[in-house]
């Protein structure tokens, strides 16, 4: 599948994933270590998705993965809510951070699989863990 209609930012990400494989592979991790910290961050995290996760997934056309991540977000909130009730700790900020990071780290590779490989599955964590 061609990726020429995508921006230069996505082209670089797609090329990196094509060359080095999935984020969970040793080849990817080794290639990532050779990059400067800024590029490492950009290949591992999507800042737009960190702040606007569900909206950005829908804009990118990954509605199945979006629904799965919404369910995961609710489950994380529910579990941390129970822990908060038991311990009395305020975990709202922690919950928000965990959910935002989850959205941010899944976007780049999920979009690569969606657009380049044509995988349209419900699993947003494919190749990440």
Protein backbone atom coordinates (compact mmCIF):
# COMPACT_ATOMS: atom_id res chain seq x y z
CA UNK A 1 0.00 0.00 0.00
CA UNK A 2 1.34 3.41 -0.89
CA UNK A 3 1.91 6.07 1.74
CA UNK A 4 2.72 9.01 -0.55
CA UNK A 5 -0.40 10.93 0.50
CA UNK A 6 0.91 11.27 4.06
CA UNK A 7 2.95 14.12 5.51
CA UNK A 8 6.72 13.99 5.82
CA UNK A 9 6.34 13.37 9.56
CA UNK A 10 4.30 10.22 8.95
CA UNK A 11 6.57 9.16 6.07
CA UNK A 12 9.57 9.19 8.42
CA UNK A 13 7.70 7.18 11.04
CA UNK A 14 6.45 4.68 8.47
CA UNK A 15 9.97 4.28 7.03
CA UNK A 16 11.40 3.72 10.51
CA UNK A 17 8.80 1.05 11.32
CA UNK A 18 9.26 -0.58 7.91
CA UNK A 19 13.02 -0.75 8.36
CA UNK A 20 13.17 -1.74 12.04
CA UNK A 21 9.95 -3.65 12.72
CA UNK A 22 7.51 -3.46 15.61
CA UNK A 23 8.30 -1.54 18.82
CA UNK A 24 8.54 -4.77 20.82
CA UNK A 25 11.33 -6.24 18.66
CA UNK A 26 15.01 -6.08 19.64
CA UNK A 27 15.87 -4.56 16.24
CA UNK A 28 13.51 -1.66 16.83
CA UNK A 29 14.83 -1.06 20.34
CA UNK A 30 18.44 -1.11 19.11
CA UNK A 31 17.68 1.31 16.26
CA UNK A 32 15.81 3.58 18.66
CA UNK A 33 18.78 3.73 21.04
CA UNK A 34 20.95 5.09 18.21
CA UNK A 35 18.65 8.08 17.70
CA UNK A 36 18.75 11.39 19.58
CA UNK A 37 16.28 11.65 22.48
CA UNK A 38 13.91 13.92 20.54
CA UNK A 39 13.45 11.46 17.67
CA UNK A 40 13.14 8.59 20.15
CA UNK A 41 10.29 10.45 21.77
CA UNK A 42 8.59 11.19 18.44
CA UNK A 43 8.72 7.55 17.28
CA UNK A 44 7.44 6.25 20.63
CA UNK A 45 4.84 8.88 21.50
CA UNK A 46 2.28 10.86 19.55
CA UNK A 47 1.78 14.21 21.29
CA UNK A 48 -1.52 15.02 19.57
CA UNK A 49 -2.91 11.65 20.62
CA UNK A 50 -1.61 12.17 24.17
CA UNK A 51 -3.86 15.22 24.53
CA UNK A 52 -6.75 14.32 22.18
CA UNK A 53 -6.65 10.50 22.03
CA UNK A 54 -10.16 9.38 21.00
CA UNK A 55 -10.72 12.34 18.69
CA UNK A 56 -7.37 11.83 16.94
CA UNK A 57 -7.96 8.09 16.50
CA UNK A 58 -11.33 8.84 14.90
CA UNK A 59 -9.77 11.48 12.62
CA UNK A 60 -7.15 8.92 11.54
CA UNK A 61 -9.92 6.43 10.76
CA UNK A 62 -9.05 3.89 13.46
CA UNK A 63 -12.48 3.70 15.09
CA UNK A 64 -12.16 0.02 16.09
CA UNK A 65 -8.96 0.65 18.00
CA UNK A 66 -10.53 3.81 19.43
CA UNK A 67 -13.41 1.85 20.93
CA UNK A 68 -11.00 -0.70 22.40
CA UNK A 69 -8.90 2.04 23.99
CA UNK A 70 -12.02 3.72 25.38
CA UNK A 71 -12.95 0.45 27.08
CA UNK A 72 -9.38 0.16 28.43
CA UNK A 73 -9.54 3.76 29.67
CA UNK A 74 -12.80 3.11 31.51
CA UNK A 75 -11.35 -0.08 33.02
CA UNK A 76 -8.24 1.76 34.22
CA UNK A 77 -10.43 4.48 35.73
CA UNK A 78 -12.63 1.90 37.42
CA UNK A 79 -9.67 0.00 38.90
CA UNK A 80 -7.96 3.15 40.13
CA UNK A 81 -11.31 4.36 41.51
CA UNK A 82 -11.59 1.21 43.60
CA UNK A 83 -7.99 1.62 44.79
CA UNK A 84 -8.80 5.23 45.65
CA UNK A 85 -11.82 4.15 47.70
CA UNK A 86 -9.79 1.55 49.58
CA UNK A 87 -6.69 3.64 50.25
CA UNK A 88 -8.15 7.15 50.40
CA UNK A 89 -5.46 8.39 48.00
CA UNK A 90 -6.41 10.84 45.26
CA UNK A 91 -5.45 9.02 42.05
CA UNK A 92 -7.29 11.18 39.52
CA UNK A 93 -4.14 12.73 38.10
CA UNK A 94 -2.42 9.35 37.91
CA UNK A 95 -5.41 7.90 36.09
CA UNK A 96 -5.39 10.74 33.56
CA UNK A 97 -1.67 10.37 32.99
CA UNK A 98 -1.85 6.59 32.49
CA UNK A 99 -4.73 6.89 30.03
CA UNK A 100 -3.06 9.72 28.09
CA UNK A 101 0.22 7.80 27.82
CA UNK A 102 -1.68 4.71 26.66
CA UNK A 103 -3.30 6.71 23.83
CA UNK A 104 -0.01 8.40 22.95
CA UNK A 105 2.18 5.29 22.74
CA UNK A 106 -0.26 3.24 20.67
CA UNK A 107 -0.98 5.76 17.91
CA UNK A 108 2.11 5.76 15.70
CA UNK A 109 2.50 2.02 15.21
CA UNK A 110 -1.26 1.42 15.08
CA UNK A 111 -1.55 4.00 12.29
CA UNK A 112 1.38 2.41 10.46
CA UNK A 113 -0.36 -0.97 10.61
CA UNK A 114 -3.64 0.60 9.54
CA UNK A 115 -2.34 2.57 6.56
CA UNK A 116 0.75 0.71 5.34
CA UNK A 117 0.00 -2.91 6.23
CA UNK A 118 -3.78 -2.67 5.90
CA UNK A 119 -4.49 -4.23 9.31
CA UNK A 120 -7.84 -3.00 10.58
CA UNK A 121 -8.09 -4.95 13.81
CA UNK A 122 -9.59 -4.08 17.17
CA UNK A 123 -6.26 -4.54 18.99
CA UNK A 124 -4.41 -1.20 19.40
CA UNK A 125 -1.52 -2.90 21.19
CA UNK A 126 -0.43 -5.14 18.27
CA UNK A 127 3.35 -5.10 18.05
CA UNK A 128 3.77 -2.79 21.04
CA UNK A 129 3.73 -5.22 23.97
